[in-house]
Structures are given as structure tokens and as C-alpha cells.
Amino acid sequence: MALKDDLLKQLDEGYPAFKQTFAGLTDEQMNRIFLGTWSVKDLLSHVAGWHFEMGKGLERVGQGQRPTPEGVDYSNGDTWNAKFATDKKPLTPKHMVAELDASFAAYRKAAASIPDARYEPGRTVDRMIHTNAIDHYKEHGKQIQDWRKTLR
């Protein structure tokens, strides 16, 4: 299987698995702080924010450009994470999940649009898809699952 096909398959399997980790939580549970200063809804804001930002990066790569636009610095992840969570604070959990779904669809579309030749093991596209999606879902999915065990 080509790397592109493999990564898209991992996205298509990883995203629904991630969503299962918070399926069935009440609004109160989705808003309850459990990870430092973050709730499940805040984590979803964070994931959606990176989907949108890095989806645009994937689009740029597909056009032969650098993933990061001129003048933008992603090196301070904490600043970006706080921005993503703050920007989505007003949303209800239901609306945040819809936002997450929209962000995934855009990210998935951007990943699929990149020419096969740009998919090289360990290179930019491979790293972006792992860091901002596949591995991200596993990291935060596990945190949510571990927290859910404390609810019983």
C-alpha cells in the first residue's frame, strides 16, 4: 500500500476512534475541567484548531509551497493551544463536535489533495499528518479514556 493510502486509511480509522472516546458524555461532563485547565470540549477545540491550521498547511504543500505562511510562527504551541480553546469557549459541546467534524473534513480533504509524490516517509506531509491528526487522536483519546474511568 502506498504511504498516502496508508495515512488516509489511518485518518479514516483514527478519527472515528477518537470520537468514540467522548461519545455519550453529557454537556456537564464535556465542560468539566479534568486535564489541567482543560475540559473535553477544550481538547476538541484544540484538535479542531490544529486541523484547520495544518489543513491550510497541507493545502500549501500540495501547491508546492512551504506549509507555514510567511510571518506565522507555530513554534509556541501553548500560545496556539490557548487561542484555539479560548476562541471556541462560547460554543456548546454539540456545536464544538460539529466544528470538530467540519475541521476533520477540511483536513482530510487537504491531505487527499496532495500529490502522491509528496508523501515520503518521515518527510513533511507524513510528519504533519501524524503529529496533527493520527498521533493527536491517540494522545488525547487516551487522556479522555483515562479520565472517563474515574467517572465510574
N, C-alpha and C. Protein backbone atom coordinates (compact mmCIF):
# COMPACT_ATOMS: atom_id res chain seq x y z
N MET A 1 0.85 -1.18 0.00
CA MET A 1 0.00 0.00 0.00
C MET A 1 0.90 1.24 0.00
N ALA A 2 0.56 2.19 -0.82
CA ALA A 2 1.30 3.44 -0.89
C ALA A 2 1.14 4.21 0.43
N LEU A 3 2.14 5.01 0.76
CA LEU A 3 2.10 5.78 2.00
C LEU A 3 0.85 6.66 2.07
N LYS A 4 0.51 7.33 0.99
CA LYS A 4 -0.67 8.19 1.00
C LYS A 4 -1.91 7.40 1.37
N ASP A 5 -2.10 6.27 0.72
CA ASP A 5 -3.28 5.44 1.01
C ASP A 5 -3.29 4.98 2.46
N ASP A 6 -2.10 4.60 2.95
CA ASP A 6 -1.99 4.14 4.33
C ASP A 6 -2.34 5.25 5.32
N LEU A 7 -1.81 6.44 5.10
CA LEU A 7 -2.09 7.55 6.01
C LEU A 7 -3.57 7.97 5.96
N LEU A 8 -4.14 8.00 4.77
CA LEU A 8 -5.57 8.35 4.67
C LEU A 8 -6.43 7.29 5.37
N LYS A 9 -6.03 6.03 5.25
CA LYS A 9 -6.75 4.95 5.95
C LYS A 9 -6.63 5.14 7.47
N GLN A 10 -5.43 5.50 7.94
CA GLN A 10 -5.25 5.74 9.37
C GLN A 10 -6.10 6.92 9.85
N LEU A 11 -6.21 7.96 9.01
CA LEU A 11 -7.09 9.08 9.36
C LEU A 11 -8.53 8.61 9.45
N ASP A 12 -8.95 7.85 8.45
CA ASP A 12 -10.34 7.40 8.39
C ASP A 12 -10.70 6.44 9.52
N GLU A 13 -9.74 5.76 10.06
CA GLU A 13 -9.98 4.87 11.20
C GLU A 13 -9.74 5.58 12.53
N GLY A 14 -8.75 6.45 12.57
CA GLY A 14 -8.37 7.11 13.82
C GLY A 14 -9.36 8.15 14.28
N TYR A 15 -9.93 8.89 13.34
CA TYR A 15 -10.86 9.94 13.74
C TYR A 15 -12.13 9.37 14.39
N PRO A 16 -12.79 8.39 13.79
CA PRO A 16 -13.97 7.83 14.48
C PRO A 16 -13.60 7.19 15.83
N ALA A 17 -12.42 6.58 15.91
CA ALA A 17 -12.00 6.00 17.19
C ALA A 17 -11.83 7.10 18.24
N PHE A 18 -11.27 8.23 17.83
CA PHE A 18 -11.13 9.37 18.74
C PHE A 18 -12.51 9.84 19.19
N LYS A 19 -13.43 9.97 18.26
CA LYS A 19 -14.78 10.44 18.61
C LYS A 19 -15.47 9.49 19.60
N GLN A 20 -15.17 8.22 19.51
CA GLN A 20 -15.76 7.25 20.43
C GLN A 20 -15.34 7.52 21.87
N THR A 21 -14.17 8.13 22.06
CA THR A 21 -13.68 8.35 23.42
C THR A 21 -14.53 9.35 24.19
N PHE A 22 -15.26 10.22 23.48
CA PHE A 22 -16.12 11.18 24.18
C PHE A 22 -17.59 11.00 23.86
N ALA A 23 -17.91 9.98 23.08
CA ALA A 23 -19.32 9.71 22.76
C ALA A 23 -20.10 9.41 24.03
N GLY A 24 -21.28 10.00 24.13
CA GLY A 24 -22.17 9.73 25.26
C GLY A 24 -21.94 10.59 26.48
N LEU A 25 -20.91 11.44 26.46
CA LEU A 25 -20.71 12.33 27.61
C LEU A 25 -21.81 13.39 27.62
N THR A 26 -22.23 13.76 28.80
CA THR A 26 -23.22 14.83 28.94
C THR A 26 -22.55 16.18 28.70
N ASP A 27 -23.35 17.22 28.53
CA ASP A 27 -22.79 18.56 28.38
C ASP A 27 -21.96 18.93 29.62
N GLU A 28 -22.47 18.58 30.77
CA GLU A 28 -21.75 18.90 32.01
C GLU A 28 -20.39 18.19 32.02
N GLN A 29 -20.35 16.93 31.62
CA GLN A 29 -19.09 16.20 31.57
C GLN A 29 -18.15 16.78 30.52
N MET A 30 -18.69 17.17 29.37
CA MET A 30 -17.86 17.75 28.30
C MET A 30 -17.23 19.07 28.74
N ASN A 31 -17.89 19.78 29.64
CA ASN A 31 -17.40 21.08 30.12
C ASN A 31 -16.60 20.99 31.43
N ARG A 32 -16.56 19.83 32.04
CA ARG A 32 -15.87 19.66 33.32
C ARG A 32 -14.36 19.66 33.11
N ILE A 33 -13.66 20.47 33.88
CA ILE A 33 -12.20 20.53 33.81
C ILE A 33 -11.63 19.21 34.33
N PHE A 34 -10.74 18.61 33.56
CA PHE A 34 -10.15 17.35 34.00
C PHE A 34 -8.65 17.24 33.67
N LEU A 35 -8.16 18.09 32.80
CA LEU A 35 -6.78 17.99 32.36
C LEU A 35 -6.12 19.37 32.50
N GLY A 36 -5.54 19.60 33.67
CA GLY A 36 -5.00 20.94 33.94
C GLY A 36 -6.14 21.93 34.03
N THR A 37 -6.23 22.81 33.03
CA THR A 37 -7.32 23.80 33.00
C THR A 37 -8.31 23.49 31.87
N TRP A 38 -8.19 22.31 31.27
CA TRP A 38 -8.99 21.98 30.09
C TRP A 38 -10.06 20.93 30.36
N SER A 39 -11.15 21.11 29.64
CA SER A 39 -12.24 20.14 29.60
C SER A 39 -12.13 19.33 28.31
N VAL A 40 -13.01 18.34 28.15
CA VAL A 40 -13.06 17.60 26.89
C VAL A 40 -13.37 18.57 25.75
N LYS A 41 -14.31 19.48 25.98
CA LYS A 41 -14.65 20.45 24.93
C LYS A 41 -13.43 21.28 24.54
N ASP A 42 -12.62 21.66 25.52
CA ASP A 42 -11.40 22.42 25.23
C ASP A 42 -10.42 21.58 24.40
N LEU A 43 -10.31 20.31 24.73
CA LEU A 43 -9.44 19.42 23.94
C LEU A 43 -9.93 19.34 22.49
N LEU A 44 -11.24 19.26 22.32
CA LEU A 44 -11.80 19.21 20.96
C LEU A 44 -11.52 20.51 20.22
N SER A 45 -11.59 21.64 20.92
CA SER A 45 -11.25 22.94 20.33
C SER A 45 -9.81 22.94 19.85
N HIS A 46 -8.96 22.41 20.67
CA HIS A 46 -7.53 22.31 20.37
C HIS A 46 -7.30 21.45 19.13
N VAL A 47 -7.91 20.27 19.08
CA VAL A 47 -7.74 19.38 17.92
C VAL A 47 -8.30 20.05 16.66
N ALA A 48 -9.49 20.64 16.77
CA ALA A 48 -10.09 21.31 15.62
C ALA A 48 -9.22 22.48 15.15
N GLY A 49 -8.68 23.22 16.08
CA GLY A 49 -7.81 24.35 15.72
C GLY A 49 -6.60 23.90 14.92
N TRP A 50 -5.97 22.82 15.36
CA TRP A 50 -4.81 22.31 14.61
C TRP A 50 -5.25 21.72 13.28
N HIS A 51 -6.41 21.08 13.24
CA HIS A 51 -6.93 20.61 11.94
C HIS A 51 -7.02 21.76 10.95
N PHE A 52 -7.66 22.85 11.37
CA PHE A 52 -7.85 23.98 10.47
C PHE A 52 -6.51 24.61 10.07
N GLU A 53 -5.64 24.84 11.05
CA GLU A 53 -4.35 25.47 10.74
C GLU A 53 -3.48 24.59 9.85
N MET A 54 -3.36 23.33 10.21
CA MET A 54 -2.49 22.44 9.44
C MET A 54 -3.15 21.94 8.16
N GLY A 55 -4.48 21.98 8.11
CA GLY A 55 -5.15 21.69 6.84
C GLY A 55 -4.77 22.71 5.79
N LYS A 56 -4.71 23.98 6.23
CA LYS A 56 -4.25 25.03 5.31
C LYS A 56 -2.78 24.80 4.94
N GLY A 57 -2.01 24.31 5.90
CA GLY A 57 -0.61 23.98 5.62
C GLY A 57 -0.48 22.87 4.60
N LEU A 58 -1.33 21.85 4.72
CA LEU A 58 -1.31 20.77 3.74
C LEU A 58 -1.71 21.28 2.35
N GLU A 59 -2.67 22.19 2.31
CA GLU A 59 -3.06 22.77 1.03
C GLU A 59 -1.88 23.50 0.40
N ARG A 60 -1.12 24.24 1.21
CA ARG A 60 0.04 24.96 0.69
C ARG A 60 1.09 23.98 0.17
N VAL A 61 1.33 22.91 0.92
CA VAL A 61 2.30 21.91 0.48
C VAL A 61 1.86 21.32 -0.86
N GLY A 62 0.56 21.02 -0.99
CA GLY A 62 0.04 20.49 -2.24
C GLY A 62 0.22 21.42 -3.42
N GLN A 63 0.39 22.71 -3.13
CA GLN A 63 0.61 23.73 -4.18
C GLN A 63 2.10 24.03 -4.36
N GLY A 64 2.94 23.22 -3.70
CA GLY A 64 4.38 23.40 -3.85
C GLY A 64 4.97 24.47 -2.96
N GLN A 65 4.22 24.92 -1.95
CA GLN A 65 4.70 25.96 -1.05
C GLN A 65 5.13 25.35 0.29
N ARG A 66 5.71 26.19 1.13
CA ARG A 66 6.03 25.79 2.50
C ARG A 66 4.71 25.66 3.27
N PRO A 67 4.64 24.78 4.25
CA PRO A 67 3.39 24.62 5.00
C PRO A 67 3.01 25.83 5.85
N THR A 68 4.02 26.57 6.31
CA THR A 68 3.78 27.72 7.18
C THR A 68 3.81 29.00 6.35
N PRO A 69 2.76 29.80 6.45
CA PRO A 69 2.77 31.05 5.68
C PRO A 69 3.81 32.03 6.24
N GLU A 70 4.25 32.91 5.38
CA GLU A 70 5.22 33.93 5.77
C GLU A 70 4.70 34.71 6.97
N GLY A 71 5.56 34.89 7.96
CA GLY A 71 5.20 35.70 9.12
C GLY A 71 4.45 34.96 10.22
N VAL A 72 4.15 33.69 10.02
CA VAL A 72 3.44 32.91 11.04
C VAL A 72 4.44 31.98 11.72
N ASP A 73 4.34 31.89 13.04
CA ASP A 73 5.25 31.07 13.82
C ASP A 73 4.43 30.10 14.68
N TYR A 74 4.57 28.81 14.40
CA TYR A 74 3.85 27.79 15.17
C TYR A 74 4.71 27.20 16.28
N SER A 75 5.89 27.74 16.50
CA SER A 75 6.82 27.12 17.45
C SER A 75 6.34 27.17 18.90
N ASN A 76 5.50 28.14 19.25
CA ASN A 76 4.97 28.21 20.61
C ASN A 76 3.57 27.59 20.62
N GLY A 77 3.55 26.28 20.72
CA GLY A 77 2.28 25.55 20.69
C GLY A 77 1.33 25.95 21.80
N ASP A 78 1.87 26.28 22.97
CA ASP A 78 1.00 26.65 24.09
C ASP A 78 0.16 27.89 23.77
N THR A 79 0.77 28.84 23.08
CA THR A 79 0.04 30.06 22.71
C THR A 79 -1.09 29.72 21.74
N TRP A 80 -0.77 28.90 20.76
CA TRP A 80 -1.81 28.50 19.78
C TRP A 80 -2.90 27.68 20.47
N ASN A 81 -2.50 26.76 21.34
CA ASN A 81 -3.48 25.91 22.04
C ASN A 81 -4.45 26.77 22.86
N ALA A 82 -3.91 27.74 23.57
CA ALA A 82 -4.75 28.64 24.37
C ALA A 82 -5.71 29.43 23.48
N LYS A 83 -5.22 29.89 22.34
CA LYS A 83 -6.06 30.62 21.40
C LYS A 83 -7.20 29.75 20.89
N PHE A 84 -6.87 28.52 20.51
CA PHE A 84 -7.91 27.62 19.99
C PHE A 84 -8.99 27.38 21.04
N ALA A 85 -8.58 27.11 22.28
CA ALA A 85 -9.55 26.84 23.35
C ALA A 85 -10.38 28.08 23.67
N THR A 86 -9.74 29.23 23.74
CA THR A 86 -10.44 30.48 24.05
C THR A 86 -11.44 30.85 22.96
N ASP A 87 -11.03 30.70 21.71
CA ASP A 87 -11.90 31.07 20.58
C ASP A 87 -13.20 30.26 20.57
N LYS A 88 -13.15 29.04 21.04
CA LYS A 88 -14.34 28.16 20.97
C LYS A 88 -15.09 28.05 22.29
N LYS A 89 -14.64 28.78 23.31
CA LYS A 89 -15.30 28.74 24.63
C LYS A 89 -16.82 28.94 24.55
N PRO A 90 -17.30 29.91 23.72
CA PRO A 90 -18.74 30.16 23.69
C PRO A 90 -19.59 29.03 23.09
N LEU A 91 -18.96 28.10 22.38
CA LEU A 91 -19.73 27.04 21.73
C LEU A 91 -20.26 26.03 22.74
N THR A 92 -21.42 25.50 22.46
CA THR A 92 -21.93 24.38 23.25
C THR A 92 -21.15 23.13 22.86
N PRO A 93 -21.14 22.09 23.70
CA PRO A 93 -20.46 20.86 23.31
C PRO A 93 -20.94 20.32 21.97
N LYS A 94 -22.25 20.36 21.74
CA LYS A 94 -22.80 19.86 20.47
C LYS A 94 -22.22 20.64 19.29
N HIS A 95 -22.16 21.96 19.42
CA HIS A 95 -21.61 22.79 18.35
C HIS A 95 -20.11 22.59 18.20
N MET A 96 -19.42 22.31 19.30
CA MET A 96 -17.99 22.06 19.23
C MET A 96 -17.72 20.76 18.48
N VAL A 97 -18.54 19.75 18.72
CA VAL A 97 -18.37 18.48 17.99
C VAL A 97 -18.63 18.70 16.50
N ALA A 98 -19.62 19.51 16.16
CA ALA A 98 -19.88 19.83 14.75
C ALA A 98 -18.69 20.57 14.14
N GLU A 99 -18.10 21.47 14.91
CA GLU A 99 -16.91 22.20 14.46
C GLU A 99 -15.74 21.24 14.25
N LEU A 100 -15.59 20.29 15.16
CA LEU A 100 -14.54 19.28 15.04
C LEU A 100 -14.75 18.46 13.77
N ASP A 101 -15.98 18.04 13.52
CA ASP A 101 -16.28 17.27 12.30
C ASP A 101 -15.94 18.07 11.04
N ALA A 102 -16.31 19.34 11.04
CA ALA A 102 -16.01 20.19 9.89
C ALA A 102 -14.50 20.35 9.71
N SER A 103 -13.79 20.49 10.82
CA SER A 103 -12.34 20.66 10.73
C SER A 103 -11.69 19.39 10.21
N PHE A 104 -12.19 18.24 10.64
CA PHE A 104 -11.65 16.97 10.15
C PHE A 104 -11.90 16.83 8.65
N ALA A 105 -13.11 17.14 8.22
CA ALA A 105 -13.44 17.03 6.79
C ALA A 105 -12.51 17.89 5.95
N ALA A 106 -12.25 19.12 6.40
CA ALA A 106 -11.36 20.01 5.66
C ALA A 106 -9.92 19.47 5.67
N TYR A 107 -9.49 18.97 6.82
CA TYR A 107 -8.14 18.42 6.95
C TYR A 107 -7.97 17.20 6.05
N ARG A 108 -8.96 16.31 6.10
CA ARG A 108 -8.92 15.08 5.29
C ARG A 108 -8.90 15.42 3.80
N LYS A 109 -9.70 16.39 3.41
CA LYS A 109 -9.75 16.81 2.00
C LYS A 109 -8.39 17.38 1.57
N ALA A 110 -7.79 18.18 2.42
CA ALA A 110 -6.47 18.75 2.10
C ALA A 110 -5.43 17.65 1.97
N ALA A 111 -5.46 16.69 2.89
CA ALA A 111 -4.49 15.58 2.84
C ALA A 111 -4.66 14.76 1.57
N ALA A 112 -5.90 14.52 1.18
CA ALA A 112 -6.17 13.71 -0.02
C ALA A 112 -5.77 14.44 -1.30
N SER A 113 -5.76 15.77 -1.26
CA SER A 113 -5.48 16.54 -2.47
C SER A 113 -3.99 16.64 -2.81
N ILE A 114 -3.15 16.25 -1.88
CA ILE A 114 -1.70 16.36 -2.10
C ILE A 114 -1.26 15.26 -3.06
N PRO A 115 -0.45 15.61 -4.04
CA PRO A 115 0.04 14.59 -4.99
C PRO A 115 0.78 13.47 -4.26
N ASP A 116 0.62 12.26 -4.78
CA ASP A 116 1.24 11.08 -4.17
C ASP A 116 2.74 11.26 -3.96
N ALA A 117 3.40 11.92 -4.89
CA ALA A 117 4.86 12.07 -4.83
C ALA A 117 5.31 12.87 -3.60
N ARG A 118 4.43 13.68 -3.01
CA ARG A 118 4.79 14.47 -1.83
C ARG A 118 4.73 13.65 -0.55
N TYR A 119 4.18 12.45 -0.63
CA TYR A 119 4.10 11.55 0.52
C TYR A 119 5.37 10.72 0.57
N GLU A 120 6.29 11.10 1.45
CA GLU A 120 7.53 10.38 1.64
C GLU A 120 7.68 10.09 3.13
N PRO A 121 8.09 8.87 3.48
CA PRO A 121 8.24 8.52 4.90
C PRO A 121 9.15 9.51 5.64
N GLY A 122 8.66 9.98 6.78
CA GLY A 122 9.45 10.88 7.62
C GLY A 122 9.58 12.31 7.12
N ARG A 123 8.97 12.62 5.99
CA ARG A 123 9.08 13.97 5.43
C ARG A 123 7.87 14.80 5.85
N THR A 124 7.76 16.00 5.33
CA THR A 124 6.80 17.00 5.80
C THR A 124 5.36 16.49 5.89
N VAL A 125 4.82 15.96 4.82
CA VAL A 125 3.41 15.55 4.81
C VAL A 125 3.18 14.42 5.81
N ASP A 126 4.06 13.43 5.80
CA ASP A 126 3.96 12.31 6.73
C ASP A 126 3.98 12.82 8.17
N ARG A 127 4.91 13.70 8.49
CA ARG A 127 5.02 14.24 9.86
C ARG A 127 3.79 15.06 10.24
N MET A 128 3.32 15.88 9.30
CA MET A 128 2.15 16.72 9.60
C MET A 128 0.92 15.87 9.91
N ILE A 129 0.70 14.85 9.11
CA ILE A 129 -0.49 14.02 9.31
C ILE A 129 -0.39 13.22 10.60
N HIS A 130 0.79 12.74 10.92
CA HIS A 130 0.95 12.03 12.19
C HIS A 130 0.79 12.97 13.37
N THR A 131 1.53 14.07 13.36
CA THR A 131 1.55 14.98 14.51
C THR A 131 0.19 15.63 14.77
N ASN A 132 -0.47 16.10 13.72
CA ASN A 132 -1.68 16.89 13.88
C ASN A 132 -2.97 16.10 13.76
N ALA A 133 -2.86 14.82 13.53
CA ALA A 133 -4.09 14.03 13.41
C ALA A 133 -3.89 12.65 14.04
N ILE A 134 -3.27 11.74 13.35
CA ILE A 134 -3.19 10.35 13.80
C ILE A 134 -2.68 10.23 15.23
N ASP A 135 -1.51 10.79 15.51
CA ASP A 135 -0.95 10.69 16.87
C ASP A 135 -1.70 11.58 17.86
N HIS A 136 -2.24 12.68 17.36
CA HIS A 136 -3.02 13.60 18.18
C HIS A 136 -4.28 12.90 18.72
N TYR A 137 -4.95 12.16 17.86
CA TYR A 137 -6.16 11.44 18.28
C TYR A 137 -5.83 10.41 19.36
N LYS A 138 -4.72 9.72 19.18
CA LYS A 138 -4.31 8.71 20.16
C LYS A 138 -3.98 9.35 21.51
N GLU A 139 -3.20 10.44 21.45
CA GLU A 139 -2.79 11.13 22.68
C GLU A 139 -4.00 11.61 23.48
N HIS A 140 -4.87 12.37 22.83
CA HIS A 140 -5.99 12.95 23.56
C HIS A 140 -7.11 11.96 23.79
N GLY A 141 -7.25 11.00 22.91
CA GLY A 141 -8.23 9.94 23.14
C GLY A 141 -7.90 9.16 24.41
N LYS A 142 -6.62 8.86 24.60
CA LYS A 142 -6.21 8.14 25.81
C LYS A 142 -6.47 8.97 27.05
N GLN A 143 -6.19 10.27 26.99
CA GLN A 143 -6.45 11.14 28.13
C GLN A 143 -7.93 11.14 28.50
N ILE A 144 -8.78 11.20 27.50
CA ILE A 144 -10.22 11.19 27.75
C ILE A 144 -10.65 9.83 28.30
N GLN A 145 -10.15 8.75 27.72
CA GLN A 145 -10.50 7.41 28.21
C GLN A 145 -10.07 7.23 29.66
N ASP A 146 -8.85 7.66 29.98
CA ASP A 146 -8.35 7.52 31.36
C ASP A 146 -9.24 8.32 32.31
N TRP A 147 -9.63 9.52 31.94
CA TRP A 147 -10.50 10.34 32.78
C TRP A 147 -11.86 9.69 32.94
N ARG A 148 -12.39 9.14 31.85
CA ARG A 148 -13.72 8.51 31.93
C ARG A 148 -13.74 7.36 32.94
N LYS A 149 -12.62 6.68 33.08
CA LYS A 149 -12.55 5.58 34.06
C LYS A 149 -12.78 6.08 35.47
N THR A 150 -12.46 7.35 35.73
CA THR A 150 -12.66 7.92 37.06
C THR A 150 -14.12 8.31 37.31
N LEU A 151 -14.93 8.33 36.26
CA LEU A 151 -16.33 8.71 36.41
C LEU A 151 -17.20 7.58 36.95
N ARG A 152 -16.69 6.39 36.93
CA ARG A 152 -17.48 5.22 37.35
C ARG A 152 -17.58 5.08 38.84
